[in-house]
Amino acid sequence: MKLNILCQSPVSEGSTPEAAVQNTVALAREADGLGYHRFWVAEHHSDRALASAAPDVLMAHLASITTRLRIGSGGVLLPYYSPLAVAERFNLLEALFPGRIDLGIGRSGGSEGHAPEALGVRGASFEAVDELLAWLGPGTAARPFGDTFASPAVDRCAEPWVLGTSPASARYAGSRGLPYAFGGFLDPRQMMPALSEYHQSFRPGRFGDRPRVNLAWYVQAAPTEAEAHALTRSSEHWFVEALLRRRNPRFPDPATIRDDYTPMERMAIEMRRHFALVGTPDQVLTGLEALARQTAADELTLVTIPFEHEARVESYRLLGRAA
């Protein structure tokens, strides 16, 4: 079972975005020695809780300080860029770190406030993904301008992954013969329909001859089950504040959290707990193995955000050593 990490550079109350980015660097170093397969970084804009806004820049540094991990974007938000610009950045990364770069492609906004307007949002069509693939690596004859190519011209390209949470994204990935990463930690409700659609629509192509699924899931491991559940309080409360109350806070100190949830908010927390894997390393790994069997996932990407950075590192340590 291949285990990966998705890091969003979380910012806790009392800390700073600069510290969050340095924590991502430290976590990548740790993951490189623990046997994890991929380390992906996210893209979020104007978000007080998530400090990773330029995945390609961060990836270059992470690849330079690690030796074994595949380093990738989870993902690049294509609505904010021209497809050629993304292809050139990832061609450069592939030239610098051959065979270690992943290009996770997202079509959502991933932004707070008026960041989309400030960034010049372009839209999020699958046609833009097609154009990006036509530019990527050595390119194909389908690129819009035959006299233009993505520099530096490289013989092989970063490995592209379609990111999504719906049957539509899964259908697109399958029809193009692309590997598919399902964001179960965001919204798992359409997981089985999406994965079924992916397998049914898969056609071998330039990027693969068989379906490949990478399932991202929220996990928290600790020496005891009680400790693990206590560590999830910060991310649970942030989930309510950010996604239900539409605020833009940092991850809160569990000691300051007030249990003043509405019935709807309590129901949302319970649903989130139902889909998360929280407990001892053995409990979490048993859950991951069952999830892999249920979904036929080839890889599992772990998302873990407690209040304390060291608790996050320790969770990944416990799982990496036990796997």
Protein backbone atom coordinates (compact mmCIF):
# COMPACT_ATOMS: atom_id res chain seq x y z
CA MET A 1 0.00 0.00 0.00
CA LYS A 2 1.63 3.23 -1.19
CA LEU A 3 1.16 6.07 1.29
CA ASN A 4 1.51 9.73 0.36
CA ILE A 5 1.23 13.07 2.16
CA LEU A 6 -0.70 16.19 1.16
CA CYS A 7 0.52 19.28 3.00
CA GLN A 8 -1.46 22.52 2.89
CA SER A 9 0.98 24.45 5.14
CA PRO A 10 -1.57 24.92 7.96
CA VAL A 11 -1.29 28.02 10.15
CA SER A 12 -2.30 27.67 13.81
CA GLU A 13 -3.34 30.49 16.13
CA GLY A 14 -0.27 32.03 17.73
CA SER A 15 1.96 30.95 14.87
CA THR A 16 2.82 32.60 11.53
CA PRO A 17 2.56 31.75 7.81
CA GLU A 18 6.35 31.79 7.64
CA ALA A 19 6.52 29.12 10.33
CA ALA A 20 3.86 27.10 8.50
CA VAL A 21 5.96 27.04 5.33
CA GLN A 22 9.07 26.02 7.29
CA ASN A 23 6.99 23.27 8.94
CA THR A 24 6.15 21.97 5.46
CA VAL A 25 9.87 21.84 4.66
CA ALA A 26 10.60 19.95 7.89
CA LEU A 27 7.75 17.51 7.24
CA ALA A 28 9.03 16.77 3.73
CA ARG A 29 12.47 15.94 5.13
CA GLU A 30 10.85 13.61 7.66
CA ALA A 31 8.65 11.94 5.03
CA ASP A 32 11.64 11.32 2.79
CA GLY A 33 13.13 9.03 5.42
CA LEU A 34 9.89 7.33 6.45
CA GLY A 35 9.11 5.55 3.20
CA TYR A 36 6.28 7.78 1.94
CA HIS A 37 5.90 7.69 -1.84
CA ARG A 38 4.66 11.17 -2.79
CA PHE A 39 4.62 14.54 -1.05
CA TRP A 40 2.16 17.01 -2.56
CA VAL A 41 1.61 20.66 -1.67
CA ALA A 42 -1.61 22.60 -2.17
CA GLU A 43 -2.59 25.96 -3.64
CA HIS A 44 -4.76 28.34 -1.60
CA HIS A 45 -5.04 32.12 -1.87
CA SER A 46 -5.89 34.77 0.76
CA ASP A 47 -6.50 31.98 3.28
CA ARG A 48 -5.39 32.72 6.84
CA ALA A 49 -5.26 29.01 7.72
CA LEU A 50 -3.39 27.63 4.69
CA ALA A 51 -0.13 29.28 3.65
CA SER A 52 0.77 27.41 0.46
CA ALA A 53 -0.08 29.71 -2.46
CA ALA A 54 2.60 28.87 -5.06
CA PRO A 55 3.06 25.10 -5.23
CA ASP A 56 5.61 25.12 -8.04
CA VAL A 57 7.92 27.44 -6.08
CA LEU A 58 7.62 25.34 -2.93
CA MET A 59 8.06 22.13 -4.92
CA ALA A 60 11.42 23.29 -6.28
CA HIS A 61 12.75 23.73 -2.76
CA LEU A 62 11.26 20.50 -1.45
CA ALA A 63 12.71 18.48 -4.32
CA SER A 64 16.13 20.03 -3.67
CA ILE A 65 16.20 18.94 0.00
CA THR A 66 14.82 15.42 -0.50
CA THR A 67 16.25 12.51 -2.45
CA ARG A 68 13.61 9.81 -2.85
CA LEU A 69 10.12 11.33 -2.63
CA ARG A 70 8.08 12.24 -5.65
CA ILE A 71 7.17 15.92 -5.20
CA GLY A 72 3.94 17.27 -6.62
CA SER A 73 1.12 19.78 -6.65
CA GLY A 74 -2.13 18.88 -5.00
CA GLY A 75 -2.91 20.81 -7.04
CA VAL A 76 -2.18 23.67 -9.38
CA LEU A 77 -5.41 25.65 -9.80
CA LEU A 78 -5.59 25.99 -13.56
CA PRO A 79 -8.23 28.78 -13.61
CA TYR A 80 -5.52 31.23 -12.50
CA TYR A 81 -2.95 30.49 -15.22
CA SER A 82 -2.51 30.05 -18.93
CA PRO A 83 -1.94 26.36 -19.76
CA LEU A 84 1.38 27.19 -21.44
CA ALA A 85 2.69 28.95 -18.30
CA VAL A 86 1.92 25.88 -16.17
CA ALA A 87 3.53 23.56 -18.73
CA GLU A 88 6.73 25.63 -18.78
CA ARG A 89 7.02 25.70 -14.99
CA PHE A 90 6.57 21.96 -14.74
CA ASN A 91 8.89 21.27 -17.68
CA LEU A 92 11.53 23.23 -15.77
CA LEU A 93 10.87 21.24 -12.60
CA GLU A 94 11.13 18.00 -14.58
CA ALA A 95 14.44 19.16 -16.08
CA LEU A 96 15.78 19.94 -12.59
CA PHE A 97 14.46 16.79 -10.90
CA PRO A 98 13.91 14.13 -13.59
CA GLY A 99 11.37 11.44 -12.79
CA ARG A 100 10.31 12.95 -9.45
CA ILE A 101 7.70 15.58 -10.35
CA ASP A 102 3.90 15.22 -10.26
CA LEU A 103 1.45 17.74 -11.70
CA GLY A 104 -1.88 17.52 -9.90
CA ILE A 105 -4.38 19.64 -11.83
CA GLY A 106 -7.35 21.28 -10.10
CA ARG A 107 -10.20 23.31 -11.55
CA SER A 108 -11.65 24.85 -8.36
CA GLY A 109 -11.07 28.34 -6.99
CA GLY A 110 -9.30 27.49 -3.73
CA SER A 111 -9.44 31.12 -2.66
CA GLU A 112 -10.98 33.46 -0.11
CA GLY A 113 -12.45 36.93 -0.55
CA HIS A 114 -11.79 38.63 -3.87
CA ALA A 115 -8.64 36.62 -4.60
CA PRO A 116 -10.10 35.13 -7.82
CA GLU A 117 -10.73 38.60 -9.21
CA ALA A 118 -7.30 39.82 -8.09
CA LEU A 119 -5.66 36.80 -9.72
CA GLY A 120 -7.59 37.22 -12.96
CA VAL A 121 -9.57 33.99 -12.93
CA ARG A 122 -9.92 32.51 -16.43
CA GLY A 123 -12.53 29.78 -15.98
CA ALA A 124 -12.12 26.08 -15.32
CA SER A 125 -13.00 24.11 -18.43
CA PHE A 126 -11.72 20.64 -19.26
CA GLU A 127 -10.60 22.17 -22.57
CA ALA A 128 -7.97 24.13 -20.63
CA VAL A 129 -6.68 20.84 -19.17
CA ASP A 130 -6.52 19.42 -22.70
CA GLU A 131 -4.46 22.41 -23.78
CA LEU A 132 -2.10 22.03 -20.83
CA LEU A 133 -1.52 18.37 -21.71
CA ALA A 134 -0.82 19.36 -25.32
CA TRP A 135 1.96 21.71 -24.16
CA LEU A 136 3.40 19.50 -21.41
CA GLY A 137 6.80 17.81 -21.88
CA PRO A 138 7.64 17.41 -25.58
CA GLY A 139 4.09 18.53 -26.42
CA THR A 140 1.76 17.15 -29.08
CA ALA A 141 0.40 18.26 -32.42
CA ALA A 142 -2.80 19.30 -30.61
CA ARG A 143 -1.15 22.39 -29.11
CA PRO A 144 -2.73 25.64 -30.35
CA PHE A 145 0.33 27.01 -32.17
CA GLY A 146 2.55 24.68 -34.13
CA ASP A 147 5.51 27.08 -34.09
CA THR A 148 5.48 27.36 -30.28
CA PHE A 149 6.51 24.90 -27.57
CA ALA A 150 6.82 24.85 -23.78
CA SER A 151 10.36 25.75 -22.68
CA PRO A 152 12.51 24.04 -21.68
CA ALA A 153 11.63 21.32 -24.20
CA VAL A 154 12.05 18.04 -22.30
CA ASP A 155 11.75 14.49 -23.57
CA ARG A 156 9.59 13.36 -20.65
CA CYS A 157 7.05 15.32 -18.67
CA ALA A 158 5.91 15.65 -15.10
CA GLU A 159 3.32 13.00 -14.27
CA PRO A 160 -0.14 14.60 -14.61
CA TRP A 161 -3.00 13.73 -12.25
CA VAL A 162 -6.58 14.96 -12.48
CA LEU A 163 -7.87 16.07 -9.07
CA GLY A 164 -11.57 15.96 -8.34
CA THR A 165 -14.52 15.00 -6.14
CA SER A 166 -17.20 14.29 -8.75
CA PRO A 167 -18.13 11.87 -11.52
CA ALA A 168 -17.49 14.64 -14.08
CA SER A 169 -13.80 14.97 -13.20
CA ALA A 170 -13.49 11.17 -12.99
CA ARG A 171 -15.07 10.73 -16.42
CA TYR A 172 -12.69 13.27 -17.93
CA ALA A 173 -9.63 11.59 -16.36
CA GLY A 174 -10.71 8.20 -17.59
CA SER A 175 -11.46 9.37 -21.12
CA ARG A 176 -7.95 10.85 -21.40
CA GLY A 177 -6.18 7.84 -19.87
CA LEU A 178 -4.99 9.93 -16.92
CA PRO A 179 -4.47 8.90 -13.29
CA TYR A 180 -7.15 10.23 -10.96
CA ALA A 181 -6.84 11.64 -7.43
CA PHE A 182 -10.12 11.79 -5.50
CA GLY A 183 -10.26 14.33 -2.65
CA GLY A 184 -12.12 12.27 -0.09
CA PHE A 185 -10.95 14.53 2.73
CA LEU A 186 -12.89 17.38 1.10
CA ASP A 187 -16.17 15.64 0.26
CA PRO A 188 -16.43 11.84 0.05
CA ARG A 189 -20.15 11.64 -0.72
CA GLN A 190 -19.68 11.00 -4.46
CA MET A 191 -16.62 8.78 -4.05
CA MET A 192 -18.04 5.48 -5.25
CA PRO A 193 -19.98 6.92 -8.23
CA ALA A 194 -16.88 8.89 -9.27
CA LEU A 195 -14.52 5.93 -9.03
CA SER A 196 -16.98 3.71 -10.88
CA GLU A 197 -17.26 6.33 -13.61
CA TYR A 198 -13.46 6.56 -13.81
CA HIS A 199 -12.97 2.84 -14.34
CA GLN A 200 -15.83 2.56 -16.82
CA SER A 201 -14.65 5.51 -18.93
CA PHE A 202 -10.91 4.73 -18.86
CA ARG A 203 -9.19 4.54 -22.25
CA PRO A 204 -5.44 3.85 -22.48
CA GLY A 205 -3.49 6.84 -23.73
CA ARG A 206 -0.29 8.84 -23.65
CA PHE A 207 -0.16 8.89 -19.86
CA GLY A 208 -1.10 5.34 -18.93
CA ASP A 209 -2.42 1.98 -20.05
CA ARG A 210 -4.50 1.22 -16.95
CA PRO A 211 -6.61 3.13 -14.40
CA ARG A 212 -4.75 4.47 -11.37
CA VAL A 213 -6.52 5.91 -8.34
CA ASN A 214 -5.00 8.02 -5.59
CA LEU A 215 -7.47 8.52 -2.71
CA ALA A 216 -6.86 11.44 -0.32
CA TRP A 217 -8.29 10.94 3.19
CA TYR A 218 -8.20 12.69 6.55
CA VAL A 219 -6.34 10.71 9.22
CA GLN A 220 -5.00 11.29 12.71
CA ALA A 221 -2.85 8.78 14.57
CA ALA A 222 -1.64 8.95 18.18
CA PRO A 223 -0.45 6.46 20.81
CA THR A 224 -4.02 6.12 22.13
CA GLU A 225 -7.42 6.49 20.53
CA ALA A 226 -8.43 9.15 23.06
CA GLU A 227 -5.36 11.25 22.23
CA ALA A 228 -6.05 10.95 18.52
CA HIS A 229 -9.64 12.15 18.88
CA ALA A 230 -8.52 15.06 21.06
CA LEU A 231 -6.08 16.13 18.35
CA THR A 232 -8.87 16.45 15.77
CA ARG A 233 -10.73 19.16 17.71
CA SER A 234 -8.82 22.02 16.08
CA SER A 235 -9.49 20.94 12.48
CA GLU A 236 -13.12 20.07 13.28
CA HIS A 237 -13.78 23.54 14.67
CA TRP A 238 -11.95 25.18 11.77
CA PHE A 239 -14.16 23.16 9.40
CA VAL A 240 -17.26 24.68 11.03
CA GLU A 241 -15.83 28.20 11.06
CA ALA A 242 -14.50 28.18 7.49
CA LEU A 243 -17.02 26.12 5.57
CA LEU A 244 -20.25 26.61 7.50
CA ARG A 245 -19.88 30.03 9.13
CA ARG A 246 -17.95 31.43 6.14
CA ARG A 247 -15.18 32.95 8.21
CA ASN A 248 -11.45 32.95 7.49
CA PRO A 249 -9.72 31.94 10.76
CA ARG A 250 -6.50 30.12 11.58
CA PHE A 251 -6.59 26.69 13.18
CA PRO A 252 -7.72 27.30 16.78
CA ASP A 253 -6.14 26.18 20.03
CA PRO A 254 -8.39 23.36 21.31
CA ALA A 255 -8.23 24.89 24.80
CA THR A 256 -10.11 27.97 23.56
CA ILE A 257 -12.84 26.22 21.55
CA ARG A 258 -16.40 26.80 22.77
CA ASP A 259 -18.87 23.99 22.19
CA ASP A 260 -21.64 26.27 20.89
CA TYR A 261 -22.55 24.43 17.69
CA THR A 262 -25.97 24.52 16.11
CA PRO A 263 -27.72 21.19 15.40
CA MET A 264 -26.72 21.47 11.74
CA GLU A 265 -23.09 22.13 12.68
CA ARG A 266 -23.06 19.16 15.04
CA MET A 267 -24.43 16.98 12.27
CA ALA A 268 -21.69 18.19 9.91
CA ILE A 269 -19.00 17.39 12.49
CA GLU A 270 -20.43 13.92 13.02
CA MET A 271 -20.44 13.31 9.27
CA ARG A 272 -16.82 14.44 9.07
CA ARG A 273 -15.90 12.11 11.94
CA HIS A 274 -17.65 9.25 10.18
CA PHE A 275 -15.40 9.60 7.15
CA ALA A 276 -12.10 10.39 8.96
CA LEU A 277 -9.75 7.66 10.24
CA VAL A 278 -8.72 8.52 13.78
CA GLY A 279 -7.05 6.29 16.37
CA THR A 280 -3.90 4.32 17.10
CA PRO A 281 -1.53 3.53 14.20
CA ASP A 282 -2.92 -0.01 13.95
CA GLN A 283 -6.50 1.27 13.90
CA VAL A 284 -5.75 3.86 11.23
CA LEU A 285 -3.79 1.44 9.05
CA THR A 286 -6.55 -1.16 9.32
CA GLY A 287 -9.01 1.49 8.18
CA LEU A 288 -6.77 2.51 5.29
CA GLU A 289 -6.42 -1.09 4.16
CA ALA A 290 -10.20 -1.53 4.21
CA LEU A 291 -10.62 1.73 2.28
CA ALA A 292 -8.12 0.57 -0.35
CA ARG A 293 -9.97 -2.73 -0.76
CA GLN A 294 -13.36 -1.00 -0.98
CA THR A 295 -12.24 1.50 -3.62
CA ALA A 296 -9.48 -0.46 -5.44
CA ALA A 297 -7.23 2.55 -4.78
CA ASP A 298 -3.61 2.16 -5.85
CA GLU A 299 -2.37 4.84 -3.44
CA LEU A 300 -3.63 6.66 -0.36
CA THR A 301 -2.76 10.26 0.39
CA LEU A 302 -2.98 11.29 4.02
CA VAL A 303 -4.12 14.70 5.27
CA THR A 304 -3.48 15.45 8.95
CA ILE A 305 -3.92 18.86 10.65
CA PRO A 306 -3.82 19.01 14.46
CA PHE A 307 -3.11 22.27 16.27
CA GLU A 308 0.52 21.42 17.09
CA HIS A 309 2.94 20.79 14.24
CA GLU A 310 4.82 18.15 16.25
CA ALA A 311 1.61 16.15 16.70
CA ARG A 312 1.18 16.19 12.91
CA VAL A 313 4.75 14.97 12.36
CA GLU A 314 4.31 12.29 15.02
CA SER A 315 1.14 11.01 13.35
CA TYR A 316 2.99 10.57 10.07
CA ARG A 317 5.91 8.97 11.91
CA LEU A 318 3.68 6.44 13.65
CA LEU A 319 1.94 5.47 10.41
CA GLY A 320 5.10 5.43 8.32
CA ARG A 321 6.91 3.15 10.75
CA ALA A 322 3.93 0.84 11.23
CA ALA A 323 3.06 0.49 7.53
